[in-house]
Amino acid sequence: MKINQLIFTVLGSLCLASHASSSQIEQQDLNEIKAGITTEIDLAHRFGPPDTRVVDTRGNRLLHWTKLGAPPLRGYLPIIGPWLGVQDVSWLDLWVQVRANGRVEDYMYKIHQR
């Protein structure tokens, strides 16, 4: 009986860890970005470090994040999951312009689905 509890505990922990590490960007996170108010530090806390960071000669920055969407349930089904059909893939690209003073000037995002 203790072996079963251990197995369920380990599997549950792995599922939670994989979900937590996916660091998806939700719509409510995007709605929290406010030009002139949100700072680069706020963005780093909310989305993690950007994948790309470009700085111009005036100190303005362009930050870019790419985040994968949640995998469909069939991706979690061993052996038969791939037989259920082509896995849908979605990802989000987020670009944020930050002024030299560290505040957001503008942002844009695009949700891709394949």
PDB file of N, CA and C in Angstrom:
ATOM      1  N   MET A   1       0.820  -1.201   0.000  1.00  0.00           N
ATOM      2  CA  MET A   1       0.000   0.000   0.000  1.00  0.00           C
ATOM      3  C   MET A   1       0.865   1.267   0.000  1.00  0.00           C
ATOM      4  N   LYS A   2       1.986   1.217   0.729  1.00  0.00           N
ATOM      5  CA  LYS A   2       2.856   2.392   0.780  1.00  0.00           C
ATOM      6  C   LYS A   2       3.510   2.658  -0.570  1.00  0.00           C
ATOM      7  N   ILE A   3       3.757   1.620  -1.338  1.00  0.00           N
ATOM      8  CA  ILE A   3       4.336   1.782  -2.671  1.00  0.00           C
ATOM      9  C   ILE A   3       3.356   2.551  -3.555  1.00  0.00           C
ATOM     10  N   ASN A   4       2.071   2.206  -3.490  1.00  0.00           N
ATOM     11  CA  ASN A   4       1.058   2.905  -4.291  1.00  0.00           C
ATOM     12  C   ASN A   4       0.998   4.375  -3.904  1.00  0.00           C
ATOM     13  N   GLN A   5       1.051   4.684  -2.630  1.00  0.00           N
ATOM     14  CA  GLN A   5       1.022   6.074  -2.183  1.00  0.00           C
ATOM     15  C   GLN A   5       2.240   6.823  -2.706  1.00  0.00           C
ATOM     16  N   LEU A   6       3.389   6.173  -2.651  1.00  0.00           N
ATOM     17  CA  LEU A   6       4.612   6.797  -3.147  1.00  0.00           C
ATOM     18  C   LEU A   6       4.516   7.072  -4.642  1.00  0.00           C
ATOM     19  N   ILE A   7       4.010   6.109  -5.393  1.00  0.00           N
ATOM     20  CA  ILE A   7       3.867   6.276  -6.844  1.00  0.00           C
ATOM     21  C   ILE A   7       2.916   7.423  -7.157  1.00  0.00           C
ATOM     22  N   PHE A   8       1.761   7.472  -6.478  1.00  0.00           N
ATOM     23  CA  PHE A   8       0.808   8.557  -6.723  1.00  0.00           C
ATOM     24  C   PHE A   8       1.377   9.905  -6.312  1.00  0.00           C
ATOM     25  N   THR A   9       2.140   9.944  -5.238  1.00  0.00           N
ATOM     26  CA  THR A   9       2.751  11.201  -4.800  1.00  0.00           C
ATOM     27  C   THR A   9       3.763  11.695  -5.822  1.00  0.00           C
ATOM     28  N   VAL A  10       4.600  10.799  -6.307  1.00  0.00           N
ATOM     29  CA  VAL A  10       5.609  11.184  -7.294  1.00  0.00           C
ATOM     30  C   VAL A  10       4.951  11.634  -8.593  1.00  0.00           C
ATOM     31  N   LEU A  11       3.971  10.876  -9.081  1.00  0.00           N
ATOM     32  CA  LEU A  11       3.282  11.256 -10.321  1.00  0.00           C
ATOM     33  C   LEU A  11       2.559  12.583 -10.173  1.00  0.00           C
ATOM     34  N   GLY A  12       1.901  12.789  -9.049  1.00  0.00           N
ATOM     35  CA  GLY A  12       1.209  14.055  -8.804  1.00  0.00           C
ATOM     36  C   GLY A  12       2.176  15.221  -8.772  1.00  0.00           C
ATOM     37  N   SER A  13       3.317  15.019  -8.129  1.00  0.00           N
ATOM     38  CA  SER A  13       4.332  16.075  -8.069  1.00  0.00           C
ATOM     39  C   SER A  13       4.866  16.407  -9.452  1.00  0.00           C
ATOM     40  N   LEU A  14       5.108  15.380 -10.269  1.00  0.00           N
ATOM     41  CA  LEU A  14       5.593  15.622 -11.623  1.00  0.00           C
ATOM     42  C   LEU A  14       4.582  16.394 -12.458  1.00  0.00           C
ATOM     43  N   CYS A  15       3.308  16.046 -12.323  1.00  0.00           N
ATOM     44  CA  CYS A  15       2.264  16.764 -13.078  1.00  0.00           C
ATOM     45  C   CYS A  15       2.205  18.223 -12.661  1.00  0.00           C
ATOM     46  N   LEU A  16       2.246  18.476 -11.359  1.00  0.00           N
ATOM     47  CA  LEU A  16       2.205  19.856 -10.875  1.00  0.00           C
ATOM     48  C   LEU A  16       3.450  20.617 -11.296  1.00  0.00           C
ATOM     49  N   ALA A  17       4.602  19.974 -11.223  1.00  0.00           N
ATOM     50  CA  ALA A  17       5.843  20.643 -11.606  1.00  0.00           C
ATOM     51  C   ALA A  17       5.855  20.973 -13.091  1.00  0.00           C
ATOM     52  N   SER A  18       5.365  20.071 -13.926  1.00  0.00           N
ATOM     53  CA  SER A  18       5.356  20.354 -15.365  1.00  0.00           C
ATOM     54  C   SER A  18       4.402  21.483 -15.694  1.00  0.00           C
ATOM     55  N   HIS A  19       3.285  21.561 -14.990  1.00  0.00           N
ATOM     56  CA  HIS A  19       2.341  22.655 -15.221  1.00  0.00           C
ATOM     57  C   HIS A  19       2.929  23.973 -14.740  1.00  0.00           C
ATOM     58  N   ALA A  20       3.574  23.960 -13.589  1.00  0.00           N
ATOM     59  CA  ALA A  20       4.138  25.193 -13.031  1.00  0.00           C
ATOM     60  C   ALA A  20       5.292  25.707 -13.874  1.00  0.00           C
ATOM     61  N   SER A  21       6.070  24.815 -14.474  1.00  0.00           N
ATOM     62  CA  SER A  21       7.237  25.259 -15.227  1.00  0.00           C
ATOM     63  C   SER A  21       6.892  25.712 -16.633  1.00  0.00           C
ATOM     64  N   SER A  22       5.653  25.492 -17.079  1.00  0.00           N
ATOM     65  CA  SER A  22       5.305  25.883 -18.442  1.00  0.00           C
ATOM     66  C   SER A  22       5.257  27.394 -18.598  1.00  0.00           C
ATOM     67  N   SER A  23       5.051  28.124 -17.514  1.00  0.00           N
ATOM     68  CA  SER A  23       5.050  29.583 -17.481  1.00  0.00           C
ATOM     69  C   SER A  23       4.274  30.183 -18.649  1.00  0.00           C
ATOM     70  N   GLN A  24       3.057  29.776 -18.775  1.00  0.00           N
ATOM     71  CA  GLN A  24       2.194  30.299 -19.821  1.00  0.00           C
ATOM     72  C   GLN A  24       1.807  31.741 -19.491  1.00  0.00           C
ATOM     73  N   ILE A  25       1.476  32.482 -20.507  1.00  0.00           N
ATOM     74  CA  ILE A  25       0.990  33.843 -20.336  1.00  0.00           C
ATOM     75  C   ILE A  25      -0.518  33.807 -20.513  1.00  0.00           C
ATOM     76  N   GLU A  26      -1.227  34.253 -19.525  1.00  0.00           N
ATOM     77  CA  GLU A  26      -2.688  34.277 -19.558  1.00  0.00           C
ATOM     78  C   GLU A  26      -3.172  35.658 -20.000  1.00  0.00           C
ATOM     79  N   GLN A  27      -4.415  35.731 -20.479  1.00  0.00           N
ATOM     80  CA  GLN A  27      -4.986  36.999 -20.942  1.00  0.00           C
ATOM     81  C   GLN A  27      -5.005  38.043 -19.824  1.00  0.00           C
ATOM     82  N   GLN A  28      -5.303  37.622 -18.588  1.00  0.00           N
ATOM     83  CA  GLN A  28      -5.343  38.599 -17.490  1.00  0.00           C
ATOM     84  C   GLN A  28      -3.954  39.181 -17.222  1.00  0.00           C
ATOM     85  N   ASP A  29      -2.881  38.404 -17.497  1.00  0.00           N
ATOM     86  CA  ASP A  29      -1.529  38.937 -17.364  1.00  0.00           C
ATOM     87  C   ASP A  29      -1.277  40.030 -18.398  1.00  0.00           C
ATOM     88  N   LEU A  30      -1.742  39.798 -19.621  1.00  0.00           N
ATOM     89  CA  LEU A  30      -1.580  40.798 -20.679  1.00  0.00           C
ATOM     90  C   LEU A  30      -2.379  42.058 -20.380  1.00  0.00           C
ATOM     91  N   ASN A  31      -3.558  41.885 -19.782  1.00  0.00           N
ATOM     92  CA  ASN A  31      -4.398  43.040 -19.446  1.00  0.00           C
ATOM     93  C   ASN A  31      -3.776  43.914 -18.368  1.00  0.00           C
ATOM     94  N   GLU A  32      -2.843  43.371 -17.596  1.00  0.00           N
ATOM     95  CA  GLU A  32      -2.197  44.124 -16.518  1.00  0.00           C
ATOM     96  C   GLU A  32      -1.084  45.045 -17.021  1.00  0.00           C
ATOM     97  N   ILE A  33      -0.676  44.901 -18.275  1.00  0.00           N
ATOM     98  CA  ILE A  33       0.371  45.769 -18.824  1.00  0.00           C
ATOM     99  C   ILE A  33      -0.251  47.124 -19.144  1.00  0.00           C
ATOM    100  N   LYS A  34       0.252  48.171 -18.506  1.00  0.00           N
ATOM    101  CA  LYS A  34      -0.256  49.534 -18.704  1.00  0.00           C
ATOM    102  C   LYS A  34       0.890  50.441 -19.127  1.00  0.00           C
ATOM    103  N   ALA A  35       0.739  51.077 -20.297  1.00  0.00           N
ATOM    104  CA  ALA A  35       1.762  52.003 -20.792  1.00  0.00           C
ATOM    105  C   ALA A  35       1.963  53.141 -19.798  1.00  0.00           C
ATOM    106  N   GLY A  36       3.224  53.457 -19.516  1.00  0.00           N
ATOM    107  CA  GLY A  36       3.566  54.540 -18.601  1.00  0.00           C
ATOM    108  C   GLY A  36       3.507  54.148 -17.138  1.00  0.00           C
ATOM    109  N   ILE A  37       2.950  52.992 -16.819  1.00  0.00           N
ATOM    110  CA  ILE A  37       2.812  52.559 -15.421  1.00  0.00           C
ATOM    111  C   ILE A  37       3.626  51.300 -15.149  1.00  0.00           C
ATOM    112  N   THR A  38       3.434  50.278 -15.973  1.00  0.00           N
ATOM    113  CA  THR A  38       4.135  49.014 -15.785  1.00  0.00           C
ATOM    114  C   THR A  38       5.621  49.207 -16.056  1.00  0.00           C
ATOM    115  N   THR A  39       6.455  48.593 -15.218  1.00  0.00           N
ATOM    116  CA  THR A  39       7.903  48.712 -15.384  1.00  0.00           C
ATOM    117  C   THR A  39       8.488  47.411 -15.921  1.00  0.00           C
ATOM    118  N   GLU A  40       9.736  47.499 -16.358  1.00  0.00           N
ATOM    119  CA  GLU A  40      10.435  46.308 -16.837  1.00  0.00           C
ATOM    120  C   GLU A  40      10.562  45.280 -15.716  1.00  0.00           C
ATOM    121  N   ILE A  41      10.735  45.732 -14.496  1.00  0.00           N
ATOM    122  CA  ILE A  41      10.817  44.823 -13.348  1.00  0.00           C
ATOM    123  C   ILE A  41       9.492  44.104 -13.148  1.00  0.00           C
ATOM    124  N   ASP A  42       8.369  44.829 -13.295  1.00  0.00           N
ATOM    125  CA  ASP A  42       7.045  44.197 -13.192  1.00  0.00           C
ATOM    126  C   ASP A  42       6.898  43.088 -14.233  1.00  0.00           C
ATOM    127  N   LEU A  43       7.354  43.357 -15.454  1.00  0.00           N
ATOM    128  CA  LEU A  43       7.270  42.370 -16.531  1.00  0.00           C
ATOM    129  C   LEU A  43       8.097  41.132 -16.196  1.00  0.00           C
ATOM    130  N   ALA A  44       9.303  41.338 -15.674  1.00  0.00           N
ATOM    131  CA  ALA A  44      10.176  40.214 -15.327  1.00  0.00           C
ATOM    132  C   ALA A  44       9.555  39.369 -14.216  1.00  0.00           C
ATOM    133  N   HIS A  45       8.892  40.007 -13.252  1.00  0.00           N
ATOM    134  CA  HIS A  45       8.225  39.255 -12.187  1.00  0.00           C
ATOM    135  C   HIS A  45       7.047  38.459 -12.733  1.00  0.00           C
ATOM    136  N   ARG A  46       6.319  39.034 -13.654  1.00  0.00           N
ATOM    137  CA  ARG A  46       5.108  38.402 -14.176  1.00  0.00           C
ATOM    138  C   ARG A  46       5.412  37.311 -15.208  1.00  0.00           C
ATOM    139  N   PHE A  47       6.360  37.569 -16.129  1.00  0.00           N
ATOM    140  CA  PHE A  47       6.607  36.661 -17.246  1.00  0.00           C
ATOM    141  C   PHE A  47       7.963  35.956 -17.197  1.00  0.00           C
ATOM    142  N   GLY A  48       8.809  36.314 -16.262  1.00  0.00           N
ATOM    143  CA  GLY A  48      10.163  35.778 -16.235  1.00  0.00           C
ATOM    144  C   GLY A  48      11.063  36.618 -17.122  1.00  0.00           C
ATOM    145  N   PRO A  49      12.330  36.250 -17.217  1.00  0.00           N
ATOM    146  CA  PRO A  49      13.233  37.038 -18.063  1.00  0.00           C
ATOM    147  C   PRO A  49      12.834  36.915 -19.534  1.00  0.00           C
ATOM    148  N   PRO A  50      12.984  37.996 -20.293  1.00  0.00           N
ATOM    149  CA  PRO A  50      12.620  37.918 -21.718  1.00  0.00           C
ATOM    150  C   PRO A  50      13.555  36.985 -22.471  1.00  0.00           C
ATOM    151  N   ASP A  51      13.040  36.406 -23.547  1.00  0.00           N
ATOM    152  CA  ASP A  51      13.851  35.549 -24.406  1.00  0.00           C
ATOM    153  C   ASP A  51      14.857  36.372 -25.193  1.00  0.00           C
ATOM    154  N   THR A  52      14.452  37.597 -25.562  1.00  0.00           N
ATOM    155  CA  THR A  52      15.314  38.499 -26.324  1.00  0.00           C
ATOM    156  C   THR A  52      15.185  39.891 -25.729  1.00  0.00           C
ATOM    157  N   ARG A  53      16.323  40.593 -25.664  1.00  0.00           N
ATOM    158  CA  ARG A  53      16.329  41.964 -25.139  1.00  0.00           C
ATOM    159  C   ARG A  53      17.282  42.775 -26.015  1.00  0.00           C
ATOM    160  N   VAL A  54      16.723  43.794 -26.700  1.00  0.00           N
ATOM    161  CA  VAL A  54      17.516  44.646 -27.582  1.00  0.00           C
ATOM    162  C   VAL A  54      17.490  46.058 -27.019  1.00  0.00           C
ATOM    163  N   VAL A  55      18.678  46.683 -26.918  1.00  0.00           N
ATOM    164  CA  VAL A  55      18.792  48.035 -26.365  1.00  0.00           C
ATOM    165  C   VAL A  55      19.319  48.962 -27.450  1.00  0.00           C
ATOM    166  N   ASP A  56      18.651  50.133 -27.600  1.00  0.00           N
ATOM    167  CA  ASP A  56      19.152  51.098 -28.584  1.00  0.00           C
ATOM    168  C   ASP A  56      20.098  52.091 -27.907  1.00  0.00           C
ATOM    169  N   THR A  57      20.624  53.038 -28.690  1.00  0.00           N
ATOM    170  CA  THR A  57      21.638  53.977 -28.176  1.00  0.00           C
ATOM    171  C   THR A  57      21.083  54.933 -27.131  1.00  0.00           C
ATOM    172  N   ARG A  58      19.765  55.129 -27.107  1.00  0.00           N
ATOM    173  CA  ARG A  58      19.149  56.026 -26.112  1.00  0.00           C
ATOM    174  C   ARG A  58      18.750  55.294 -24.830  1.00  0.00           C
ATOM    175  N   GLY A  59      18.956  53.977 -24.807  1.00  0.00           N
ATOM    176  CA  GLY A  59      18.610  53.203 -23.614  1.00  0.00           C
ATOM    177  C   GLY A  59      17.223  52.599 -23.651  1.00  0.00           C
ATOM    178  N   ASN A  60      16.479  52.847 -24.734  1.00  0.00           N
ATOM    179  CA  ASN A  60      15.168  52.203 -24.883  1.00  0.00           C
ATOM    180  C   ASN A  60      15.390  50.725 -25.179  1.00  0.00           C
ATOM    181  N   ARG A  61      14.440  49.889 -24.761  1.00  0.00           N
ATOM    182  CA  ARG A  61      14.603  48.452 -24.924  1.00  0.00           C
ATOM    183  C   ARG A  61      13.383  47.837 -25.604  1.00  0.00           C
ATOM    184  N   LEU A  62      13.630  46.782 -26.361  1.00  0.00           N
ATOM    185  CA  LEU A  62      12.578  45.968 -26.942  1.00  0.00           C
ATOM    186  C   LEU A  62      12.738  44.578 -26.345  1.00  0.00           C
ATOM    187  N   LEU A  63      11.715  44.129 -25.626  1.00  0.00           N
ATOM    188  CA  LEU A  63      11.735  42.833 -24.959  1.00  0.00           C
ATOM    189  C   LEU A  63      10.803  41.890 -25.693  1.00  0.00           C
ATOM    190  N   HIS A  64      11.184  40.607 -25.764  1.00  0.00           N
ATOM    191  CA  HIS A  64      10.378  39.629 -26.478  1.00  0.00           C
ATOM    192  C   HIS A  64      10.298  38.334 -25.682  1.00  0.00           C
ATOM    193  N   TRP A  65       9.075  37.816 -25.542  1.00  0.00           N
ATOM    194  CA  TRP A  65       8.831  36.526 -24.907  1.00  0.00           C
ATOM    195  C   TRP A  65       8.083  35.641 -25.898  1.00  0.00           C
ATOM    196  N   THR A  66       8.411  34.354 -25.905  1.00  0.00           N
ATOM    197  CA  THR A  66       7.643  33.349 -26.627  1.00  0.00           C
ATOM    198  C   THR A  66       7.271  32.282 -25.619  1.00  0.00           C
ATOM    199  N   LYS A  67       5.982  32.018 -25.481  1.00  0.00           N
ATOM    200  CA  LYS A  67       5.498  31.024 -24.514  1.00  0.00           C
ATOM    201  C   LYS A  67       4.605  30.025 -25.220  1.00  0.00           C
ATOM    202  N   LEU A  68       4.822  28.756 -24.952  1.00  0.00           N
ATOM    203  CA  LEU A  68       3.979  27.703 -25.500  1.00  0.00           C
ATOM    204  C   LEU A  68       2.673  27.630 -24.748  1.00  0.00           C
ATOM    205  N   GLY A  69       1.594  27.285 -25.474  1.00  0.00           N
ATOM    206  CA  GLY A  69       0.302  27.078 -24.845  1.00  0.00           C
ATOM    207  C   GLY A  69       0.253  25.730 -24.149  1.00  0.00           C
ATOM    208  N   ALA A  70      -0.829  25.502 -23.437  1.00  0.00           N
ATOM    209  CA  ALA A  70      -1.008  24.230 -22.736  1.00  0.00           C
ATOM    210  C   ALA A  70      -1.144  23.107 -23.754  1.00  0.00           C
ATOM    211  N   PRO A  71      -0.436  22.010 -23.529  1.00  0.00           N
ATOM    212  CA  PRO A  71      -0.580  20.888 -24.460  1.00  0.00           C
ATOM    213  C   PRO A  71      -1.953  20.244 -24.300  1.00  0.00           C
ATOM    214  N   PRO A  72      -2.505  19.699 -25.368  1.00  0.00           N
ATOM    215  CA  PRO A  72      -3.797  19.045 -25.258  1.00  0.00           C
ATOM    216  C   PRO A  72      -3.692  17.788 -24.403  1.00  0.00           C
ATOM    217  N   LEU A  73      -4.821  17.347 -23.875  1.00  0.00           N
ATOM    218  CA  LEU A  73      -4.863  16.198 -22.983  1.00  0.00           C
ATOM    219  C   LEU A  73      -4.255  14.965 -23.631  1.00  0.00           C
ATOM    220  N   ARG A  74      -4.440  14.781 -24.917  1.00  0.00           N
ATOM    221  CA  ARG A  74      -3.933  13.561 -25.557  1.00  0.00           C
ATOM    222  C   ARG A  74      -2.413  13.467 -25.475  1.00  0.00           C
ATOM    223  N   GLY A  75      -1.739  14.579 -25.237  1.00  0.00           N
ATOM    224  CA  GLY A  75      -0.294  14.537 -25.070  1.00  0.00           C
ATOM    225  C   GLY A  75       0.122  13.843 -23.792  1.00  0.00           C
ATOM    226  N   TYR A  76      -0.797  13.725 -22.837  1.00  0.00           N
ATOM    227  CA  TYR A  76      -0.502  13.073 -21.576  1.00  0.00           C
ATOM    228  C   TYR A  76      -0.885  11.597 -21.553  1.00  0.00           C
ATOM    229  N   LEU A  77      -1.542  11.132 -22.582  1.00  0.00           N
ATOM    230  CA  LEU A  77      -1.967   9.739 -22.604  1.00  0.00           C
ATOM    231  C   LEU A  77      -0.865   8.877 -23.207  1.00  0.00           C
ATOM    232  N   PRO A  78      -0.263   8.008 -22.400  1.00  0.00           N
ATOM    233  CA  PRO A  78       0.822   7.195 -22.941  1.00  0.00           C
ATOM    234  C   PRO A  78       0.315   6.232 -24.002  1.00  0.00           C
ATOM    235  N   ILE A  79       1.123   5.947 -24.938  1.00  0.00           N
ATOM    236  CA  ILE A  79       0.928   4.990 -26.031  1.00  0.00           C
ATOM    237  C   ILE A  79      -0.192   5.413 -26.980  1.00  0.00           C
ATOM    238  N   ILE A  80      -1.411   5.632 -26.493  1.00  0.00           N
ATOM    239  CA  ILE A  80      -2.524   5.922 -27.398  1.00  0.00           C
ATOM    240  C   ILE A  80      -2.673   7.401 -27.711  1.00  0.00           C
ATOM    241  N   GLY A  81      -2.030   8.288 -26.940  1.00  0.00           N
ATOM    242  CA  GLY A  81      -2.168   9.727 -27.163  1.00  0.00           C
ATOM    243  C   GLY A  81      -1.888  10.157 -28.585  1.00  0.00           C
ATOM    244  N   PRO A  82      -0.745   9.757 -29.156  1.00  0.00           N
ATOM    245  CA  PRO A  82      -0.440  10.166 -30.532  1.00  0.00           C
ATOM    246  C   PRO A  82      -1.430   9.633 -31.566  1.00  0.00           C
ATOM    247  N   TRP A  83      -2.133   8.550 -31.254  1.00  0.00           N
ATOM    248  CA  TRP A  83      -3.080   7.958 -32.194  1.00  0.00           C
ATOM    249  C   TRP A  83      -4.399   8.716 -32.231  1.00  0.00           C
ATOM    250  N   LEU A  84      -4.605   9.627 -31.297  1.00  0.00           N
ATOM    251  CA  LEU A  84      -5.877  10.346 -31.236  1.00  0.00           C
ATOM    252  C   LEU A  84      -5.952  11.493 -32.243  1.00  0.00           C
ATOM    253  N   GLY A  85      -4.897  11.773 -32.920  1.00  0.00           N
ATOM    254  CA  GLY A  85      -4.919  12.833 -33.926  1.00  0.00           C
ATOM    255  C   GLY A  85      -3.677  13.695 -33.817  1.00  0.00           C
ATOM    256  N   VAL A  86      -3.568  14.644 -34.722  1.00  0.00           N
ATOM    257  CA  VAL A  86      -2.426  15.543 -34.733  1.00  0.00           C
ATOM    258  C   VAL A  86      -2.525  16.467 -33.534  1.00  0.00           C
ATOM    259  N   GLN A  87      -1.425  16.629 -32.839  1.00  0.00           N
ATOM    260  CA  GLN A  87      -1.448  17.496 -31.672  1.00  0.00           C
ATOM    261  C   GLN A  87      -1.501  18.955 -32.103  1.00  0.00           C
ATOM    262  N   ASP A  88      -2.449  19.685 -31.547  1.00  0.00           N
ATOM    263  CA  ASP A  88      -2.539  21.116 -31.801  1.00  0.00           C
ATOM    264  C   ASP A  88      -1.457  21.812 -30.987  1.00  0.00           C
ATOM    265  N   VAL A  89      -0.809  22.771 -31.604  1.00  0.00           N
ATOM    266  CA  VAL A  89       0.229  23.519 -30.926  1.00  0.00           C
ATOM    267  C   VAL A  89      -0.168  24.983 -30.961  1.00  0.00           C
ATOM    268  N   SER A  90      -0.031  25.651 -29.827  1.00  0.00           N
ATOM    269  CA  SER A  90      -0.272  27.093 -29.799  1.00  0.00           C
ATOM    270  C   SER A  90       0.874  27.748 -29.030  1.00  0.00           C
ATOM    271  N   TRP A  91       1.192  28.976 -29.425  1.00  0.00           N
ATOM    272  CA  TRP A  91       2.197  29.731 -28.704  1.00  0.00           C
ATOM    273  C   TRP A  91       1.869  31.198 -28.816  1.00  0.00           C
ATOM    274  N   LEU A  92       2.454  31.978 -27.917  1.00  0.00           N
ATOM    275  CA  LEU A  92       2.198  33.399 -27.858  1.00  0.00           C
ATOM    276  C   LEU A  92       3.521  34.134 -27.979  1.00  0.00           C
ATOM    277  N   ASP A  93       3.551  35.144 -28.819  1.00  0.00           N
ATOM    278  CA  ASP A  93       4.693  36.051 -28.922  1.00  0.00           C
ATOM    279  C   ASP A  93       4.274  37.375 -28.303  1.00  0.00           C
ATOM    280  N   LEU A  94       5.083  37.881 -27.379  1.00  0.00           N
ATOM    281  CA  LEU A  94       4.823  39.160 -26.714  1.00  0.00           C
ATOM    282  C   LEU A  94       6.025  40.058 -26.919  1.00  0.00           C
ATOM    283  N   TRP A  95       5.807  41.244 -27.482  1.00  0.00           N
ATOM    284  CA  TRP A  95       6.841  42.253 -27.654  1.00  0.00           C
ATOM    285  C   TRP A  95       6.455  43.454 -26.816  1.00  0.00           C
ATOM    286  N   VAL A  96       7.414  43.976 -26.050  1.00  0.00           N
ATOM    287  CA  VAL A  96       7.163  45.143 -25.206  1.00  0.00           C
ATOM    288  C   VAL A  96       8.278  46.155 -25.433  1.00  0.00           C
ATOM    289  N   GLN A  97       7.889  47.405 -25.713  1.00  0.00           N
ATOM    290  CA  GLN A  97       8.840  48.506 -25.821  1.00  0.00           C
ATOM    291  C   GLN A  97       8.910  49.183 -24.457  1.00  0.00           C
ATOM    292  N   VAL A  98      10.123  49.289 -23.915  1.00  0.00           N
ATOM    293  CA  VAL A  98      10.335  49.913 -22.615  1.00  0.00           C
ATOM    294  C   VAL A  98      11.240  51.122 -22.822  1.00  0.00           C
ATOM    295  N   ARG A  99      10.810  52.269 -22.289  1.00  0.00           N
ATOM    296  CA  ARG A  99      11.614  53.491 -22.400  1.00  0.00           C
ATOM    297  C   ARG A  99      12.857  53.388 -21.518  1.00  0.00           C
ATOM    298  N   ALA A 100      13.788  54.316 -21.705  1.00  0.00           N
ATOM    299  CA  ALA A 100      15.022  54.342 -20.922  1.00  0.00           C
ATOM    300  C   ALA A 100      14.736  54.490 -19.427  1.00  0.00           C
ATOM    301  N   ASN A 101      13.576  55.081 -19.078  1.00  0.00           N
ATOM    302  CA  ASN A 101      13.230  55.249 -17.662  1.00  0.00           C
ATOM    303  C   ASN A 101      12.674  53.966 -17.031  1.00  0.00           C
ATOM    304  N   GLY A 102      12.580  52.884 -17.821  1.00  0.00           N
ATOM    305  CA  GLY A 102      12.148  51.591 -17.287  1.00  0.00           C
ATOM    306  C   GLY A 102      10.658  51.344 -17.360  1.00  0.00           C
ATOM    307  N   ARG A 103       9.876  52.287 -17.912  1.00  0.00           N
ATOM    308  CA  ARG A 103       8.425  52.117 -18.007  1.00  0.00           C
ATOM    309  C   ARG A 103       8.012  51.698 -19.415  1.00  0.00           C
ATOM    310  N   VAL A 104       6.945  50.917 -19.477  1.00  0.00           N
ATOM    311  CA  VAL A 104       6.436  50.417 -20.757  1.00  0.00           C
ATOM    312  C   VAL A 104       5.927  51.571 -21.609  1.00  0.00           C
ATOM    313  N   GLU A 105       6.333  51.583 -22.864  1.00  0.00           N
ATOM    314  CA  GLU A 105       5.814  52.566 -23.814  1.00  0.00           C
ATOM    315  C   GLU A 105       4.661  51.962 -24.609  1.00  0.00           C
ATOM    316  N   ASP A 106       4.850  50.727 -25.066  1.00  0.00           N
ATOM    317  CA  ASP A 106       3.835  50.072 -25.889  1.00  0.00           C
ATOM    318  C   ASP A 106       4.089  48.572 -25.848  1.00  0.00           C
ATOM    319  N   TYR A 107       3.065  47.792 -26.195  1.00  0.00           N
ATOM    320  CA  TYR A 107       3.260  46.346 -26.294  1.00  0.00           C
ATOM    321  C   TYR A 107       2.335  45.778 -27.348  1.00  0.00           C
ATOM    322  N   MET A 108       2.703  44.592 -27.818  1.00  0.00           N
ATOM    323  CA  MET A 108       1.921  43.910 -28.835  1.00  0.00           C
ATOM    324  C   MET A 108       2.091  42.417 -28.602  1.00  0.00           C
ATOM    325  N   TYR A 109       1.021  41.654 -28.836  1.00  0.00           N
ATOM    326  CA  TYR A 109       1.152  40.204 -28.743  1.00  0.00           C
ATOM    327  C   TYR A 109       0.373  39.550 -29.869  1.00  0.00           C
ATOM    328  N   LYS A 110       0.778  38.336 -30.177  1.00  0.00           N
ATOM    329  CA  LYS A 110       0.103  37.558 -31.216  1.00  0.00           C
ATOM    330  C   LYS A 110       0.039  36.113 -30.737  1.00  0.00           C
ATOM    331  N   ILE A 111      -1.142  35.524 -30.867  1.00  0.00           N
ATOM    332  CA  ILE A 111      -1.353  34.126 -30.512  1.00  0.00           C
ATOM    333  C   ILE A 111      -1.337  33.330 -31.808  1.00  0.00           C
ATOM    334  N   HIS A 112      -0.454  32.358 -31.884  1.00  0.00           N
ATOM    335  CA  HIS A 112      -0.322  31.500 -33.061  1.00  0.00           C
ATOM    336  C   HIS A 112      -0.911  30.140 -32.731  1.00  0.00           C
ATOM    337  N   GLN A 113      -1.598  29.544 -33.704  1.00  0.00           N
ATOM    338  CA  GLN A 113      -2.113  28.192 -33.523  1.00  0.00           C
ATOM    339  C   GLN A 113      -1.837  27.382 -34.775  1.00  0.00           C
ATOM    340  N   ARG A 114      -1.428  26.145 -34.540  1.00  0.00           N
ATOM    341  CA  ARG A 114      -1.143  25.260 -35.652  1.00  0.00           C
ATOM    342  C   ARG A 114      -1.770  23.912 -35.344  1.00  0.00           C
TER     343      ARG A 114
END
